[in-house]
N, C-alpha and C. Protein backbone atom coordinates (compact mmCIF):
# COMPACT_ATOMS: atom_id res chain seq x y z
N MET A 1 -2.66 -6.69 2.19
CA MET A 1 -3.10 -6.55 3.54
C MET A 1 -2.37 -5.70 3.98
N THR A 2 -3.01 -4.75 4.95
CA THR A 2 -2.18 -3.53 5.60
C THR A 2 -2.34 -3.94 7.19
N SER A 3 -1.30 -3.63 7.91
CA SER A 3 -1.34 -3.40 9.59
C SER A 3 -0.79 -2.05 9.71
N ILE A 4 -1.39 -1.51 10.86
CA ILE A 4 -0.83 -0.41 11.63
C ILE A 4 0.13 -0.90 12.59
N LEU A 5 1.44 -0.80 12.43
CA LEU A 5 2.45 -1.22 13.43
C LEU A 5 2.05 -0.29 14.70
N SER A 6 2.98 -0.90 15.98
CA SER A 6 2.62 -0.06 17.07
C SER A 6 3.31 0.96 17.09
N ASP A 7 4.37 1.35 16.24
CA ASP A 7 5.06 2.67 16.33
C ASP A 7 4.35 3.71 15.08
N GLY A 8 3.14 3.17 14.62
CA GLY A 8 2.30 4.18 13.87
C GLY A 8 2.63 3.84 12.24
N ARG A 9 3.69 3.18 11.81
CA ARG A 9 4.02 2.75 10.47
C ARG A 9 3.09 1.83 9.97
N VAL A 10 2.87 1.88 8.63
CA VAL A 10 1.75 0.80 8.14
C VAL A 10 2.78 -0.19 7.32
N GLU A 11 2.56 -1.43 7.53
CA GLU A 11 3.01 -2.42 6.78
C GLU A 11 2.11 -2.86 5.73
N PHE A 12 2.48 -3.05 4.49
CA PHE A 12 1.83 -3.48 3.27
C PHE A 12 2.26 -4.91 3.10
N ARG A 13 1.29 -5.80 2.82
CA ARG A 13 1.66 -7.32 2.45
C ARG A 13 1.02 -7.70 1.08
N PHE A 14 1.58 -8.36 0.22
CA PHE A 14 0.85 -8.42 -1.13
C PHE A 14 1.51 -9.92 -1.57
N TYR A 15 0.51 -10.88 -1.66
CA TYR A 15 1.06 -12.09 -2.12
C TYR A 15 0.79 -12.16 -3.78
N ARG A 16 2.35 -12.40 -4.23
CA ARG A 16 2.30 -12.70 -5.83
C ARG A 16 3.68 -13.52 -5.94
N PRO A 17 3.64 -14.83 -5.66
CA PRO A 17 4.72 -15.32 -5.77
C PRO A 17 5.50 -15.37 -7.06
N GLN A 18 4.76 -15.34 -8.33
CA GLN A 18 5.49 -15.29 -9.54
C GLN A 18 5.80 -14.04 -9.93
N ALA A 19 5.67 -12.76 -9.36
CA ALA A 19 6.17 -11.43 -9.79
C ALA A 19 7.56 -11.34 -9.63
N THR A 20 8.23 -10.53 -10.35
CA THR A 20 9.46 -10.17 -10.39
C THR A 20 9.87 -8.57 -9.72
N ARG A 21 8.56 -7.85 -9.98
CA ARG A 21 8.66 -6.70 -9.26
C ARG A 21 7.43 -6.14 -8.58
N ALA A 22 7.22 -5.56 -7.43
CA ALA A 22 5.79 -4.94 -6.83
C ALA A 22 6.18 -3.66 -6.39
N CYS A 23 5.08 -3.06 -6.03
CA CYS A 23 5.31 -1.77 -5.50
C CYS A 23 3.83 -1.23 -4.90
N VAL A 24 3.77 -0.20 -4.07
CA VAL A 24 2.67 0.22 -3.55
C VAL A 24 2.50 1.74 -4.14
N ALA A 25 1.53 2.04 -4.81
CA ALA A 25 1.30 3.34 -5.64
C ALA A 25 -0.02 3.77 -4.92
N GLY A 26 -0.06 5.21 -4.76
CA GLY A 26 -1.38 5.77 -4.26
C GLY A 26 -1.13 7.27 -4.18
N THR A 27 -2.24 7.82 -3.57
CA THR A 27 -2.39 9.26 -3.46
C THR A 27 -1.03 9.96 -2.80
N PHE A 28 -0.65 8.95 -1.91
CA PHE A 28 0.60 9.71 -1.06
C PHE A 28 1.88 9.79 -2.00
N ASN A 29 1.91 9.06 -2.98
CA ASN A 29 3.02 9.27 -3.83
C ASN A 29 2.91 9.74 -5.37
N GLY A 30 1.52 10.27 -5.47
CA GLY A 30 1.48 10.49 -6.93
C GLY A 30 1.25 9.42 -7.88
N TRP A 31 0.90 8.33 -7.13
CA TRP A 31 0.57 6.96 -8.08
C TRP A 31 1.67 6.33 -8.92
N ARG A 32 2.85 7.13 -8.18
CA ARG A 32 4.07 6.61 -9.16
C ARG A 32 4.61 5.06 -8.60
N GLN A 33 4.95 4.39 -9.97
CA GLN A 33 5.12 2.97 -9.57
C GLN A 33 6.66 2.76 -9.02
N ASP A 34 7.43 3.63 -9.26
CA ASP A 34 8.98 3.46 -8.72
C ASP A 34 9.35 4.16 -7.38
N ALA A 35 8.17 4.67 -6.60
CA ALA A 35 8.27 5.42 -5.36
C ALA A 35 8.38 4.36 -4.43
N ASN A 36 7.58 3.73 -4.04
CA ASN A 36 7.50 2.66 -2.91
C ASN A 36 7.72 1.10 -3.31
N VAL A 37 8.82 0.70 -3.78
CA VAL A 37 9.26 -0.70 -4.46
C VAL A 37 9.13 -1.58 -2.98
N MET A 38 8.34 -2.81 -3.25
CA MET A 38 8.42 -3.63 -2.08
C MET A 38 9.57 -4.84 -2.10
N ARG A 39 9.88 -5.46 -1.24
CA ARG A 39 10.84 -6.28 -0.92
C ARG A 39 10.19 -7.84 -0.78
N LYS A 40 10.42 -8.68 -1.79
CA LYS A 40 9.91 -10.13 -1.89
C LYS A 40 10.53 -10.97 -0.79
N GLY A 41 9.70 -11.74 0.01
CA GLY A 41 10.04 -12.56 0.93
C GLY A 41 10.22 -14.13 -0.03
N PRO A 42 10.88 -14.97 0.55
CA PRO A 42 11.10 -16.43 0.26
C PRO A 42 9.60 -17.04 0.04
N ASP A 43 8.69 -16.63 0.67
CA ASP A 43 7.24 -17.39 0.93
C ASP A 43 6.41 -16.84 -0.15
N GLY A 44 6.80 -15.85 -1.00
CA GLY A 44 6.03 -15.14 -2.20
C GLY A 44 5.14 -13.80 -1.68
N TRP A 45 5.53 -13.43 -0.42
CA TRP A 45 4.70 -12.27 0.18
C TRP A 45 5.71 -11.11 -0.05
N TRP A 46 5.08 -9.97 -0.65
CA TRP A 46 5.95 -8.81 -0.88
C TRP A 46 5.50 -7.95 0.33
N HIS A 47 6.65 -7.05 0.77
CA HIS A 47 6.36 -6.31 1.80
C HIS A 47 7.02 -4.84 1.85
N ALA A 48 6.33 -3.89 2.30
CA ALA A 48 6.84 -2.52 2.51
C ALA A 48 6.23 -1.85 3.72
N THR A 49 7.04 -1.09 4.25
CA THR A 49 6.45 -0.23 5.61
C THR A 49 6.85 1.10 5.13
N LEU A 50 5.85 1.68 5.58
CA LEU A 50 5.75 3.45 5.18
C LEU A 50 5.26 3.97 6.27
N GLU A 51 5.45 5.41 6.23
CA GLU A 51 4.95 6.33 7.22
C GLU A 51 3.70 7.21 6.51
N PHE A 52 3.05 7.53 7.22
CA PHE A 52 1.70 8.21 6.78
C PHE A 52 1.28 9.49 7.55
N ALA A 53 0.99 10.43 6.96
CA ALA A 53 0.07 11.44 7.70
C ALA A 53 -1.28 11.04 8.04
N PRO A 54 -1.87 11.61 9.12
CA PRO A 54 -3.48 11.17 9.26
C PRO A 54 -4.12 11.69 8.29
N GLY A 55 -5.20 10.68 8.21
CA GLY A 55 -6.22 10.98 6.92
C GLY A 55 -6.63 9.74 6.10
N VAL A 56 -7.23 9.95 4.75
CA VAL A 56 -7.81 8.66 4.06
C VAL A 56 -6.76 8.75 3.02
N HIS A 57 -6.09 7.52 2.69
CA HIS A 57 -5.13 7.52 1.46
C HIS A 57 -5.49 6.21 0.62
N GLN A 58 -5.60 6.62 -0.67
CA GLN A 58 -6.03 5.65 -1.66
C GLN A 58 -4.58 4.99 -2.11
N PHE A 59 -4.75 3.50 -2.54
CA PHE A 59 -3.58 2.77 -2.83
C PHE A 59 -4.08 1.75 -3.74
N ARG A 60 -3.13 1.24 -4.53
CA ARG A 60 -3.10 -0.19 -5.14
C ARG A 60 -1.88 -0.66 -5.26
N TYR A 61 -1.86 -2.05 -5.41
CA TYR A 61 -0.34 -2.52 -5.52
C TYR A 61 -0.11 -2.81 -7.38
N VAL A 62 1.10 -2.53 -7.64
CA VAL A 62 1.42 -2.67 -8.97
C VAL A 62 2.72 -3.87 -9.20
N ALA A 63 2.12 -5.06 -9.77
CA ALA A 63 3.16 -6.20 -9.99
C ALA A 63 3.34 -6.35 -11.39
N ASP A 64 4.54 -6.24 -11.82
CA ASP A 64 4.91 -6.35 -13.37
C ASP A 64 4.13 -5.60 -14.05
N GLY A 65 3.64 -4.55 -13.84
CA GLY A 65 2.80 -3.68 -14.70
C GLY A 65 1.32 -3.69 -14.67
N HIS A 66 1.09 -4.71 -13.59
CA HIS A 66 -0.54 -4.98 -13.51
C HIS A 66 -0.77 -4.45 -12.21
N TRP A 67 -2.09 -3.81 -12.10
CA TRP A 67 -2.60 -3.16 -10.84
C TRP A 67 -3.66 -4.03 -10.15
N TYR A 68 -3.57 -4.10 -8.76
CA TYR A 68 -4.10 -5.02 -8.12
C TYR A 68 -4.87 -4.04 -6.88
N THR A 69 -6.14 -4.32 -6.58
CA THR A 69 -6.82 -3.69 -5.41
C THR A 69 -6.72 -4.56 -4.14
N ASP A 70 -6.31 -4.02 -3.08
CA ASP A 70 -6.42 -4.76 -1.93
C ASP A 70 -7.65 -4.54 -1.08
N PHE A 71 -8.40 -5.99 -1.08
CA PHE A 71 -9.83 -5.97 -0.89
C PHE A 71 -9.96 -6.18 0.78
N ALA A 72 -8.60 -6.38 1.27
CA ALA A 72 -8.53 -6.25 2.83
C ALA A 72 -8.34 -5.16 3.46
N ALA A 73 -8.19 -4.14 2.72
CA ALA A 73 -7.58 -2.71 3.34
C ALA A 73 -8.85 -2.27 4.03
N HIS A 74 -8.96 -1.04 4.34
CA HIS A 74 -9.96 -0.25 5.09
C HIS A 74 -11.07 -0.13 4.33
N GLY A 75 -11.33 -0.43 3.13
CA GLY A 75 -12.40 -0.04 2.26
C GLY A 75 -11.81 -0.08 0.66
N VAL A 76 -12.67 0.18 -0.09
CA VAL A 76 -12.40 0.32 -1.52
C VAL A 76 -13.26 1.47 -1.94
N GLU A 77 -12.77 2.09 -3.02
CA GLU A 77 -13.32 3.35 -3.67
C GLU A 77 -13.23 3.42 -5.08
N HIS A 78 -14.37 3.51 -5.77
CA HIS A 78 -14.07 3.80 -7.31
C HIS A 78 -13.13 4.87 -7.88
N GLY A 79 -12.29 4.71 -8.56
CA GLY A 79 -11.23 5.74 -9.05
C GLY A 79 -11.44 5.69 -10.50
N LYS A 80 -10.67 6.70 -10.92
CA LYS A 80 -10.73 6.98 -12.41
C LYS A 80 -10.42 5.72 -13.26
N TYR A 81 -9.46 4.82 -12.78
CA TYR A 81 -9.07 3.58 -13.48
C TYR A 81 -9.47 2.14 -12.76
N GLY A 82 -10.49 2.19 -11.89
CA GLY A 82 -10.76 1.17 -11.44
C GLY A 82 -11.01 1.41 -9.90
N LEU A 83 -10.94 0.32 -9.05
CA LEU A 83 -11.40 0.08 -7.48
C LEU A 83 -9.92 0.42 -6.94
N ASN A 84 -9.96 1.52 -6.15
CA ASN A 84 -8.66 1.94 -5.21
C ASN A 84 -8.87 1.50 -3.78
N SER A 85 -7.97 1.09 -3.12
CA SER A 85 -7.95 0.43 -1.74
C SER A 85 -7.91 1.88 -0.79
N LEU A 86 -8.30 1.66 0.11
CA LEU A 86 -8.32 2.83 1.24
C LEU A 86 -7.52 2.40 2.53
N LEU A 87 -6.96 3.28 3.10
CA LEU A 87 -5.87 3.45 4.26
C LEU A 87 -6.40 4.54 4.98
N VAL A 88 -6.93 4.15 6.16
CA VAL A 88 -7.32 5.24 7.05
C VAL A 88 -6.57 5.60 8.33
N ILE A 89 -5.94 6.59 8.38
CA ILE A 89 -4.83 6.82 9.53
C ILE A 89 -5.49 7.70 10.39
N SER A 90 -5.78 7.34 11.72
CA SER A 90 -6.40 8.33 12.55
C SER A 90 -5.23 9.16 13.17
N GLY A 91 -5.67 10.49 13.61
CA GLY A 91 -4.49 11.62 14.16
C GLY A 91 -3.84 11.11 15.41
N THR A 92 -4.14 10.06 16.02
CA THR A 92 -3.36 9.43 17.17
C THR A 92 -2.48 8.35 16.79
N GLY A 93 -2.78 7.65 15.74
CA GLY A 93 -2.14 6.33 15.46
C GLY A 93 -1.20 6.50 14.51
N ALA A 94 -0.61 7.59 13.95
CA ALA A 94 0.31 7.77 12.69
C ALA A 94 1.38 8.57 13.16
N ARG A 95 2.48 8.21 12.75
CA ARG A 95 3.75 9.13 12.78
C ARG A 95 3.59 10.10 11.47
N ILE A 96 3.81 11.09 11.63
CA ILE A 96 3.85 12.21 10.41
C ILE A 96 4.85 11.76 9.46
N ALA A 97 4.53 11.79 8.21
CA ALA A 97 5.60 11.49 7.25
C ALA A 97 6.46 12.58 7.03
N ALA A 98 7.81 12.38 6.66
CA ALA A 98 8.53 13.34 6.31
C ALA A 98 8.52 13.98 5.00
């Protein structure tokens, strides 16, 4: 799941209690599995908070080497390796990523 926070950052939440490692990979980080590692909470939810430039960004979660689509995102789109989740950031609702 994704939420756009009041300060324009995006919070990613991914439930995978048995996972030992999870990350967010997407067009914004070259689909790298090591770029945006998530933190695991005691309830089994993984969390990451990121900044984005306005636009449409594709992403997927990766947990222990397995890729997962977020069907609760702003939509999904067919990609080269499966369904990618979409994150839509408006020009007024996002801080520009550094």
